[in-house]
Structure formats: C-alpha cells, structure tokens
Amino acid sequence: MNAVKQKAVINAEKSQLDRVQRLIDSGQYRTVSAFVREAIEDKLGRIEQGRVAEAVERYCSAGWRRKTLI
C-alpha cells in the first residue's frame, strides 16, 4: 500500500532530538521521519484505545453490565 506522505515541520527540544539521533545511530530507526511516523501512530493508537475504554465504562455505568451467573 502506497501511503501519500506529506511534509511537516516540527519543533522539538534539542535533548529530544539528541535522544532520537542516538536511536538512529544504534540502528533502531533509519531516520528521524521514521521515528516520528511511529511515534504519531503510537499516540493515535493510545488515544483511540482510551476512547474505546471510556465508551465501555459509560456502557457499564449505564447498567448494561453483564450479570455474573453463580
């Protein structure tokens, strides 16, 4: 699948970029862009999981909790 990529400028602390560069130097990432793409995907995933968890909590709080059979 060929995803369309778009350029963006980011502002980051030098210390953060130094840490990213160490990961690149150690071979964990090819480029800063590869690191940022993965970081964005991870953050979006956590946000989406949080929304699902909140929806489940609202569902359970509304009395739709499954009753345990004993």
C-alpha atoms as a PDB file:
ATOM      1  CA  MET A   1       0.000   0.000   0.000  1.00  0.00           C
ATOM      2  CA  ASN A   2       1.480   3.336  -1.036  1.00  0.00           C
ATOM      3  CA  ALA A   3       0.522   5.944   1.506  1.00  0.00           C
ATOM      4  CA  VAL A   4       0.686   9.560   0.445  1.00  0.00           C
ATOM      5  CA  LYS A   5       3.216  11.323   2.623  1.00  0.00           C
ATOM      6  CA  GLN A   6       3.109  14.970   3.484  1.00  0.00           C
ATOM      7  CA  LYS A   7       5.922  17.066   4.900  1.00  0.00           C
ATOM      8  CA  ALA A   8       5.564  18.868   8.199  1.00  0.00           C
ATOM      9  CA  VAL A   9       7.883  20.946  10.320  1.00  0.00           C
ATOM     10  CA  ILE A  10       8.134  20.093  13.996  1.00  0.00           C
ATOM     11  CA  ASN A  11       9.669  21.974  16.897  1.00  0.00           C
ATOM     12  CA  ALA A  12      11.395  19.807  19.463  1.00  0.00           C
ATOM     13  CA  GLU A  13      13.850  20.287  22.269  1.00  0.00           C
ATOM     14  CA  LYS A  14      17.472  19.651  21.326  1.00  0.00           C
ATOM     15  CA  SER A  15      17.681  16.999  24.042  1.00  0.00           C
ATOM     16  CA  GLN A  16      14.734  15.141  22.472  1.00  0.00           C
ATOM     17  CA  LEU A  17      16.314  15.240  19.030  1.00  0.00           C
ATOM     18  CA  ASP A  18      19.620  14.074  20.514  1.00  0.00           C
ATOM     19  CA  ARG A  19      17.831  11.068  22.030  1.00  0.00           C
ATOM     20  CA  VAL A  20      16.190  10.296  18.685  1.00  0.00           C
ATOM     21  CA  GLN A  21      19.569  10.580  16.958  1.00  0.00           C
ATOM     22  CA  ARG A  22      21.051   8.051  19.380  1.00  0.00           C
ATOM     23  CA  LEU A  23      18.265   5.611  18.414  1.00  0.00           C
ATOM     24  CA  ILE A  24      19.053   6.192  14.749  1.00  0.00           C
ATOM     25  CA  ASP A  25      22.785   5.725  15.367  1.00  0.00           C
ATOM     26  CA  SER A  26      22.088   2.444  17.177  1.00  0.00           C
ATOM     27  CA  GLY A  27      20.093   1.185  14.179  1.00  0.00           C
ATOM     28  CA  GLN A  28      16.666   1.188  15.830  1.00  0.00           C
ATOM     29  CA  TYR A  29      15.342   3.715  13.290  1.00  0.00           C
ATOM     30  CA  ARG A  30      16.515   4.681   9.817  1.00  0.00           C
ATOM     31  CA  THR A  31      15.595   8.346  10.008  1.00  0.00           C
ATOM     32  CA  VAL A  32      14.005  10.995  12.205  1.00  0.00           C
ATOM     33  CA  SER A  33      10.970  10.773   9.933  1.00  0.00           C
ATOM     34  CA  ALA A  34      10.648   7.041  10.592  1.00  0.00           C
ATOM     35  CA  PHE A  35      10.775   7.704  14.341  1.00  0.00           C
ATOM     36  CA  VAL A  36       8.185  10.492  14.139  1.00  0.00           C
ATOM     37  CA  ARG A  37       5.827   8.396  11.993  1.00  0.00           C
ATOM     38  CA  GLU A  38       5.954   5.572  14.536  1.00  0.00           C
ATOM     39  CA  ALA A  39       5.525   7.990  17.449  1.00  0.00           C
ATOM     40  CA  ILE A  40       2.456   9.526  15.791  1.00  0.00           C
ATOM     41  CA  GLU A  41       0.955   6.097  15.114  1.00  0.00           C
ATOM     42  CA  ASP A  42       1.566   5.025  18.732  1.00  0.00           C
ATOM     43  CA  LYS A  43      -0.036   8.191  20.113  1.00  0.00           C
ATOM     44  CA  LEU A  44      -3.064   7.903  17.831  1.00  0.00           C
ATOM     45  CA  GLY A  45      -3.486   4.274  18.889  1.00  0.00           C
ATOM     46  CA  ARG A  46      -3.416   5.195  22.589  1.00  0.00           C
ATOM     47  CA  ILE A  47      -5.978   7.945  22.028  1.00  0.00           C
ATOM     48  CA  GLU A  48      -8.274   5.554  20.161  1.00  0.00           C
ATOM     49  CA  GLN A  49      -7.894   2.858  22.846  1.00  0.00           C
ATOM     50  CA  GLY A  50      -8.715   5.440  25.506  1.00  0.00           C
ATOM     51  CA  ARG A  51     -11.876   6.405  23.685  1.00  0.00           C
ATOM     52  CA  VAL A  52     -12.965   2.775  23.463  1.00  0.00           C
ATOM     53  CA  ALA A  53     -12.238   2.289  27.175  1.00  0.00           C
ATOM     54  CA  GLU A  54     -14.298   5.393  28.009  1.00  0.00           C
ATOM     55  CA  ALA A  55     -17.198   4.136  25.880  1.00  0.00           C
ATOM     56  CA  VAL A  56     -17.108   0.749  27.628  1.00  0.00           C
ATOM     57  CA  GLU A  57     -17.036   2.459  31.011  1.00  0.00           C
ATOM     58  CA  ARG A  58     -20.054   4.605  30.082  1.00  0.00           C
ATOM     59  CA  TYR A  59     -21.854   1.490  28.817  1.00  0.00           C
ATOM     60  CA  CYS A  60     -21.173  -0.391  32.048  1.00  0.00           C
ATOM     61  CA  SER A  61     -22.062   2.620  34.202  1.00  0.00           C
ATOM     62  CA  ALA A  62     -25.427   2.839  32.459  1.00  0.00           C
ATOM     63  CA  GLY A  63     -26.387  -0.542  33.910  1.00  0.00           C
ATOM     64  CA  TRP A  64     -25.577  -2.706  30.925  1.00  0.00           C
ATOM     65  CA  ARG A  65     -23.069  -4.695  32.931  1.00  0.00           C
ATOM     66  CA  ARG A  66     -23.274  -8.427  32.299  1.00  0.00           C
ATOM     67  CA  LYS A  67     -24.591 -10.251  35.349  1.00  0.00           C
ATOM     68  CA  THR A  68     -22.370 -12.996  36.708  1.00  0.00           C
ATOM     69  CA  LEU A  69     -24.032 -16.384  36.988  1.00  0.00           C
ATOM     70  CA  ILE A  70     -23.314 -18.315  40.163  1.00  0.00           C
END
